[in-house]
Amino acid sequence: MLQTTVTDIQNGQVTIRLNDGQTVRVPVADFEGTPTVGSAVYLVLAVPGSEDAGRQSLAKHLLNQMIGNP
């Protein structure tokens, strides 16, 4: 899972910046929730068949953030 940042939204496309400076454009329709410029976005990379593990990893990460564990 990668934490990215929304840098631009135009014409139904969201541009997100990865930590190494690369950018990726993703259709707004592919997002859960409403992205806004400057907001953090989690990018979960999963190969077919491991989607549940990816979602579990994201849930664990968010829970740890809420309870203050690194």
PDB file of N, CA and C in Angstrom:
ATOM      1  N   MET A   1       0.845  -1.161   0.000  1.00  0.00           N
ATOM      2  CA  MET A   1       0.000   0.000   0.000  1.00  0.00           C
ATOM      3  C   MET A   1       0.895   1.230   0.000  1.00  0.00           C
ATOM      4  N   LEU A   2       0.531   2.174  -0.849  1.00  0.00           N
ATOM      5  CA  LEU A   2       1.280   3.409  -0.957  1.00  0.00           C
ATOM      6  C   LEU A   2       0.382   4.581  -0.593  1.00  0.00           C
ATOM      7  N   GLN A   3       0.910   5.493   0.193  1.00  0.00           N
ATOM      8  CA  GLN A   3       0.177   6.728   0.448  1.00  0.00           C
ATOM      9  C   GLN A   3       0.630   7.732  -0.592  1.00  0.00           C
ATOM     10  N   THR A   4      -0.323   8.322  -1.292  1.00  0.00           N
ATOM     11  CA  THR A   4      -0.046   9.298  -2.329  1.00  0.00           C
ATOM     12  C   THR A   4      -0.765  10.594  -1.988  1.00  0.00           C
ATOM     13  N   THR A   5      -0.549  11.608  -2.808  1.00  0.00           N
ATOM     14  CA  THR A   5      -1.200  12.897  -2.594  1.00  0.00           C
ATOM     15  C   THR A   5      -1.864  13.348  -3.887  1.00  0.00           C
ATOM     16  N   VAL A   6      -3.101  13.827  -3.770  1.00  0.00           N
ATOM     17  CA  VAL A   6      -3.797  14.375  -4.937  1.00  0.00           C
ATOM     18  C   VAL A   6      -3.191  15.734  -5.256  1.00  0.00           C
ATOM     19  N   THR A   7      -2.736  15.894  -6.503  1.00  0.00           N
ATOM     20  CA  THR A   7      -2.117  17.162  -6.890  1.00  0.00           C
ATOM     21  C   THR A   7      -2.965  17.969  -7.861  1.00  0.00           C
ATOM     22  N   ASP A   8      -3.909  17.310  -8.551  1.00  0.00           N
ATOM     23  CA  ASP A   8      -4.711  18.030  -9.532  1.00  0.00           C
ATOM     24  C   ASP A   8      -5.958  17.207  -9.861  1.00  0.00           C
ATOM     25  N   ILE A   9      -7.027  17.910 -10.178  1.00  0.00           N
ATOM     26  CA  ILE A   9      -8.258  17.268 -10.643  1.00  0.00           C
ATOM     27  C   ILE A   9      -8.775  18.094 -11.812  1.00  0.00           C
ATOM     28  N   GLN A  10      -8.840  17.464 -12.999  1.00  0.00           N
ATOM     29  CA  GLN A  10      -9.325  18.158 -14.201  1.00  0.00           C
ATOM     30  C   GLN A  10      -9.990  17.167 -15.133  1.00  0.00           C
ATOM     31  N   ASN A  11     -11.077  17.597 -15.725  1.00  0.00           N
ATOM     32  CA  ASN A  11     -11.758  16.812 -16.761  1.00  0.00           C
ATOM     33  C   ASN A  11     -12.012  15.364 -16.350  1.00  0.00           C
ATOM     34  N   GLY A  12     -12.434  15.179 -15.108  1.00  0.00           N
ATOM     35  CA  GLY A  12     -12.757  13.834 -14.639  1.00  0.00           C
ATOM     36  C   GLY A  12     -11.555  12.963 -14.335  1.00  0.00           C
ATOM     37  N   GLN A  13     -10.354  13.550 -14.311  1.00  0.00           N
ATOM     38  CA  GLN A  13      -9.121  12.818 -14.021  1.00  0.00           C
ATOM     39  C   GLN A  13      -8.467  13.386 -12.764  1.00  0.00           C
ATOM     40  N   VAL A  14      -7.994  12.493 -11.910  1.00  0.00           N
ATOM     41  CA  VAL A  14      -7.288  12.883 -10.695  1.00  0.00           C
ATOM     42  C   VAL A  14      -5.816  12.543 -10.885  1.00  0.00           C
ATOM     43  N   THR A  15      -4.957  13.505 -10.641  1.00  0.00           N
ATOM     44  CA  THR A  15      -3.525  13.251 -10.691  1.00  0.00           C
ATOM     45  C   THR A  15      -3.040  13.053  -9.265  1.00  0.00           C
ATOM     46  N   ILE A  16      -2.383  11.913  -9.039  1.00  0.00           N
ATOM     47  CA  ILE A  16      -1.816  11.640  -7.722  1.00  0.00           C
ATOM     48  C   ILE A  16      -0.297  11.560  -7.857  1.00  0.00           C
ATOM     49  N   ARG A  17       0.395  12.031  -6.810  1.00  0.00           N
ATOM     50  CA  ARG A  17       1.855  12.016  -6.800  1.00  0.00           C
ATOM     51  C   ARG A  17       2.347  10.969  -5.810  1.00  0.00           C
ATOM     52  N   LEU A  18       3.205  10.083  -6.302  1.00  0.00           N
ATOM     53  CA  LEU A  18       3.824   9.081  -5.452  1.00  0.00           C
ATOM     54  C   LEU A  18       4.975   9.716  -4.675  1.00  0.00           C
ATOM     55  N   ASN A  19       5.458   9.033  -3.647  1.00  0.00           N
ATOM     56  CA  ASN A  19       6.528   9.582  -2.805  1.00  0.00           C
ATOM     57  C   ASN A  19       7.813   9.861  -3.577  1.00  0.00           C
ATOM     58  N   ASP A  20       8.051   9.136  -4.677  1.00  0.00           N
ATOM     59  CA  ASP A  20       9.274   9.353  -5.446  1.00  0.00           C
ATOM     60  C   ASP A  20       9.110  10.430  -6.523  1.00  0.00           C
ATOM     61  N   GLY A  21       7.956  11.109  -6.545  1.00  0.00           N
ATOM     62  CA  GLY A  21       7.722  12.196  -7.471  1.00  0.00           C
ATOM     63  C   GLY A  21       6.970  11.814  -8.736  1.00  0.00           C
ATOM     64  N   GLN A  22       6.849  10.529  -9.017  1.00  0.00           N
ATOM     65  CA  GLN A  22       6.087  10.106 -10.190  1.00  0.00           C
ATOM     66  C   GLN A  22       4.619  10.481 -10.010  1.00  0.00           C
ATOM     67  N   THR A  23       3.936  10.714 -11.124  1.00  0.00           N
ATOM     68  CA  THR A  23       2.514  11.000 -11.057  1.00  0.00           C
ATOM     69  C   THR A  23       1.732   9.970 -11.862  1.00  0.00           C
ATOM     70  N   VAL A  24       0.498   9.767 -11.437  1.00  0.00           N
ATOM     71  CA  VAL A  24      -0.417   8.829 -12.084  1.00  0.00           C
ATOM     72  C   VAL A  24      -1.758   9.525 -12.222  1.00  0.00           C
ATOM     73  N   ARG A  25      -2.403   9.377 -13.377  1.00  0.00           N
ATOM     74  CA  ARG A  25      -3.741   9.942 -13.583  1.00  0.00           C
ATOM     75  C   ARG A  25      -4.750   8.807 -13.502  1.00  0.00           C
ATOM     76  N   VAL A  26      -5.803   9.026 -12.722  1.00  0.00           N
ATOM     77  CA  VAL A  26      -6.832   8.024 -12.475  1.00  0.00           C
ATOM     78  C   VAL A  26      -8.198   8.681 -12.640  1.00  0.00           C
ATOM     79  N   PRO A  27      -9.142   8.014 -13.289  1.00  0.00           N
ATOM     80  CA  PRO A  27     -10.481   8.590 -13.406  1.00  0.00           C
ATOM     81  C   PRO A  27     -11.127   8.791 -12.025  1.00  0.00           C
ATOM     82  N   VAL A  28     -11.816   9.905 -11.868  1.00  0.00           N
ATOM     83  CA  VAL A  28     -12.519  10.188 -10.612  1.00  0.00           C
ATOM     84  C   VAL A  28     -13.461   9.039 -10.259  1.00  0.00           C
ATOM     85  N   ALA A  29     -14.079   8.432 -11.255  1.00  0.00           N
ATOM     86  CA  ALA A  29     -15.042   7.352 -11.021  1.00  0.00           C
ATOM     87  C   ALA A  29     -14.408   6.137 -10.348  1.00  0.00           C
ATOM     88  N   ASP A  30     -13.085   5.995 -10.409  1.00  0.00           N
ATOM     89  CA  ASP A  30     -12.416   4.843  -9.795  1.00  0.00           C
ATOM     90  C   ASP A  30     -12.156   5.024  -8.307  1.00  0.00           C
ATOM     91  N   PHE A  31     -12.449   6.196  -7.768  1.00  0.00           N
ATOM     92  CA  PHE A  31     -12.202   6.474  -6.356  1.00  0.00           C
ATOM     93  C   PHE A  31     -13.405   6.112  -5.504  1.00  0.00           C
ATOM     94  N   GLU A  32     -13.128   5.627  -4.313  1.00  0.00           N
ATOM     95  CA  GLU A  32     -14.135   5.528  -3.262  1.00  0.00           C
ATOM     96  C   GLU A  32     -14.023   6.833  -2.489  1.00  0.00           C
ATOM     97  N   GLY A  33     -15.117   7.524  -2.310  1.00  0.00           N
ATOM     98  CA  GLY A  33     -15.062   8.833  -1.671  1.00  0.00           C
ATOM     99  C   GLY A  33     -14.791   9.910  -2.704  1.00  0.00           C
ATOM    100  N   THR A  34     -14.608  11.123  -2.218  1.00  0.00           N
ATOM    101  CA  THR A  34     -14.407  12.272  -3.097  1.00  0.00           C
ATOM    102  C   THR A  34     -13.005  12.830  -2.900  1.00  0.00           C
ATOM    103  N   PRO A  35     -12.129  12.639  -3.882  1.00  0.00           N
ATOM    104  CA  PRO A  35     -10.776  13.180  -3.732  1.00  0.00           C
ATOM    105  C   PRO A  35     -10.775  14.698  -3.851  1.00  0.00           C
ATOM    106  N   THR A  36      -9.874  15.331  -3.112  1.00  0.00           N
ATOM    107  CA  THR A  36      -9.688  16.773  -3.201  1.00  0.00           C
ATOM    108  C   THR A  36      -8.188  17.056  -3.309  1.00  0.00           C
ATOM    109  N   VAL A  37      -7.834  18.147  -3.964  1.00  0.00           N
ATOM    110  CA  VAL A  37      -6.422  18.512  -4.114  1.00  0.00           C
ATOM    111  C   VAL A  37      -5.796  18.655  -2.732  1.00  0.00           C
ATOM    112  N   GLY A  38      -4.655  18.014  -2.556  1.00  0.00           N
ATOM    113  CA  GLY A  38      -3.939  18.058  -1.283  1.00  0.00           C
ATOM    114  C   GLY A  38      -4.253  16.904  -0.358  1.00  0.00           C
ATOM    115  N   SER A  39      -5.317  16.147  -0.655  1.00  0.00           N
ATOM    116  CA  SER A  39      -5.686  15.054   0.239  1.00  0.00           C
ATOM    117  C   SER A  39      -4.812  13.826   0.006  1.00  0.00           C
ATOM    118  N   ALA A  40      -4.685  13.026   1.045  1.00  0.00           N
ATOM    119  CA  ALA A  40      -3.961  11.762   0.955  1.00  0.00           C
ATOM    120  C   ALA A  40      -4.874  10.717   0.330  1.00  0.00           C
ATOM    121  N   VAL A  41      -4.273   9.852  -0.474  1.00  0.00           N
ATOM    122  CA  VAL A  41      -4.998   8.763  -1.115  1.00  0.00           C
ATOM    123  C   VAL A  41      -4.138   7.515  -0.956  1.00  0.00           C
ATOM    124  N   TYR A  42      -4.751   6.416  -0.561  1.00  0.00           N
ATOM    125  CA  TYR A  42      -4.025   5.156  -0.450  1.00  0.00           C
ATOM    126  C   TYR A  42      -4.187   4.373  -1.733  1.00  0.00           C
ATOM    127  N   LEU A  43      -3.078   3.893  -2.258  1.00  0.00           N
ATOM    128  CA  LEU A  43      -3.055   3.100  -3.469  1.00  0.00           C
ATOM    129  C   LEU A  43      -2.693   1.678  -3.049  1.00  0.00           C
ATOM    130  N   VAL A  44      -3.649   0.759  -3.218  1.00  0.00           N
ATOM    131  CA  VAL A  44      -3.435  -0.634  -2.842  1.00  0.00           C
ATOM    132  C   VAL A  44      -3.126  -1.417  -4.108  1.00  0.00           C
ATOM    133  N   LEU A  45      -1.964  -2.027  -4.137  1.00  0.00           N
ATOM    134  CA  LEU A  45      -1.539  -2.814  -5.283  1.00  0.00           C
ATOM    135  C   LEU A  45      -1.717  -4.287  -4.941  1.00  0.00           C
ATOM    136  N   ALA A  46      -2.523  -4.965  -5.735  1.00  0.00           N
ATOM    137  CA  ALA A  46      -2.788  -6.372  -5.461  1.00  0.00           C
ATOM    138  C   ALA A  46      -2.922  -7.137  -6.766  1.00  0.00           C
ATOM    139  N   VAL A  47      -2.313  -8.300  -6.824  1.00  0.00           N
ATOM    140  CA  VAL A  47      -2.459  -9.156  -7.998  1.00  0.00           C
ATOM    141  C   VAL A  47      -3.777  -9.910  -7.879  1.00  0.00           C
ATOM    142  N   PRO A  48      -4.345 -10.350  -8.994  1.00  0.00           N
ATOM    143  CA  PRO A  48      -5.600 -11.089  -8.930  1.00  0.00           C
ATOM    144  C   PRO A  48      -5.505 -12.255  -7.932  1.00  0.00           C
ATOM    145  N   GLY A  49      -6.522 -12.331  -7.096  1.00  0.00           N
ATOM    146  CA  GLY A  49      -6.575 -13.375  -6.074  1.00  0.00           C
ATOM    147  C   GLY A  49      -6.102 -12.916  -4.709  1.00  0.00           C
ATOM    148  N   SER A  50      -5.447 -11.745  -4.643  1.00  0.00           N
ATOM    149  CA  SER A  50      -4.964 -11.275  -3.343  1.00  0.00           C
ATOM    150  C   SER A  50      -5.635  -9.968  -2.921  1.00  0.00           C
ATOM    151  N   GLU A  51      -6.760  -9.656  -3.539  1.00  0.00           N
ATOM    152  CA  GLU A  51      -7.453  -8.403  -3.228  1.00  0.00           C
ATOM    153  C   GLU A  51      -7.875  -8.331  -1.766  1.00  0.00           C
ATOM    154  N   ASP A  52      -8.351  -9.446  -1.202  1.00  0.00           N
ATOM    155  CA  ASP A  52      -8.763  -9.439   0.199  1.00  0.00           C
ATOM    156  C   ASP A  52      -7.592  -9.120   1.121  1.00  0.00           C
ATOM    157  N   ALA A  53      -6.424  -9.674   0.827  1.00  0.00           N
ATOM    158  CA  ALA A  53      -5.238  -9.392   1.638  1.00  0.00           C
ATOM    159  C   ALA A  53      -4.883  -7.907   1.554  1.00  0.00           C
ATOM    160  N   GLY A  54      -5.023  -7.320   0.380  1.00  0.00           N
ATOM    161  CA  GLY A  54      -4.749  -5.896   0.219  1.00  0.00           C
ATOM    162  C   GLY A  54      -5.701  -5.044   1.028  1.00  0.00           C
ATOM    163  N   ARG A  55      -6.978  -5.398   0.999  1.00  0.00           N
ATOM    164  CA  ARG A  55      -7.968  -4.645   1.791  1.00  0.00           C
ATOM    165  C   ARG A  55      -7.703  -4.809   3.280  1.00  0.00           C
ATOM    166  N   GLN A  56      -7.317  -6.007   3.707  1.00  0.00           N
ATOM    167  CA  GLN A  56      -7.018  -6.233   5.122  1.00  0.00           C
ATOM    168  C   GLN A  56      -5.805  -5.418   5.560  1.00  0.00           C
ATOM    169  N   SER A  57      -4.802  -5.329   4.689  1.00  0.00           N
ATOM    170  CA  SER A  57      -3.614  -4.536   4.998  1.00  0.00           C
ATOM    171  C   SER A  57      -3.980  -3.063   5.164  1.00  0.00           C
ATOM    172  N   LEU A  58      -4.828  -2.547   4.279  1.00  0.00           N
ATOM    173  CA  LEU A  58      -5.270  -1.163   4.379  1.00  0.00           C
ATOM    174  C   LEU A  58      -6.060  -0.941   5.662  1.00  0.00           C
ATOM    175  N   ALA A  59      -6.960  -1.844   5.991  1.00  0.00           N
ATOM    176  CA  ALA A  59      -7.762  -1.712   7.213  1.00  0.00           C
ATOM    177  C   ALA A  59      -6.870  -1.706   8.451  1.00  0.00           C
ATOM    178  N   LYS A  60      -5.876  -2.579   8.483  1.00  0.00           N
ATOM    179  CA  LYS A  60      -4.949  -2.632   9.622  1.00  0.00           C
ATOM    180  C   LYS A  60      -4.171  -1.325   9.735  1.00  0.00           C
ATOM    181  N   HIS A  61      -3.697  -0.810   8.601  1.00  0.00           N
ATOM    182  CA  HIS A  61      -2.947   0.441   8.599  1.00  0.00           C
ATOM    183  C   HIS A  61      -3.795   1.590   9.142  1.00  0.00           C
ATOM    184  N   LEU A  62      -5.031   1.706   8.666  1.00  0.00           N
ATOM    185  CA  LEU A  62      -5.914   2.781   9.128  1.00  0.00           C
ATOM    186  C   LEU A  62      -6.251   2.645  10.594  1.00  0.00           C
ATOM    187  N   LEU A  63      -6.489   1.433  11.057  1.00  0.00           N
ATOM    188  CA  LEU A  63      -6.777   1.209  12.470  1.00  0.00           C
ATOM    189  C   LEU A  63      -5.578   1.619  13.329  1.00  0.00           C
ATOM    190  N   ASN A  64      -4.386   1.244  12.907  1.00  0.00           N
ATOM    191  CA  ASN A  64      -3.194   1.617  13.670  1.00  0.00           C
ATOM    192  C   ASN A  64      -3.033   3.131  13.709  1.00  0.00           C
ATOM    193  N   GLN A  65      -3.353   3.823  12.640  1.00  0.00           N
ATOM    194  CA  GLN A  65      -3.282   5.290  12.652  1.00  0.00           C
ATOM    195  C   GLN A  65      -4.280   5.865  13.643  1.00  0.00           C
ATOM    196  N   MET A  66      -5.477   5.295  13.687  1.00  0.00           N
ATOM    197  CA  MET A  66      -6.518   5.823  14.590  1.00  0.00           C
ATOM    198  C   MET A  66      -6.154   5.626  16.049  1.00  0.00           C
ATOM    199  N   ILE A  67      -5.481   4.529  16.372  1.00  0.00           N
ATOM    200  CA  ILE A  67      -5.158   4.278  17.785  1.00  0.00           C
ATOM    201  C   ILE A  67      -3.763   4.761  18.154  1.00  0.00           C
ATOM    202  N   GLY A  68      -3.074   5.349  17.177  1.00  0.00           N
ATOM    203  CA  GLY A  68      -1.784   5.974  17.465  1.00  0.00           C
ATOM    204  C   GLY A  68      -0.581   5.069  17.379  1.00  0.00           C
ATOM    205  N   ASN A  69      -0.731   3.884  16.800  1.00  0.00           N
ATOM    206  CA  ASN A  69       0.424   3.003  16.608  1.00  0.00           C
ATOM    207  C   ASN A  69       1.047   3.282  15.250  1.00  0.00           C
ATOM    208  N   PRO A  70       2.376   3.325  15.193  1.00  0.00           N
ATOM    209  CA  PRO A  70       3.042   3.576  13.900  1.00  0.00           C
ATOM    210  C   PRO A  70       2.907   2.408  12.942  1.00  0.00           C
TER     211      PRO A  70
END
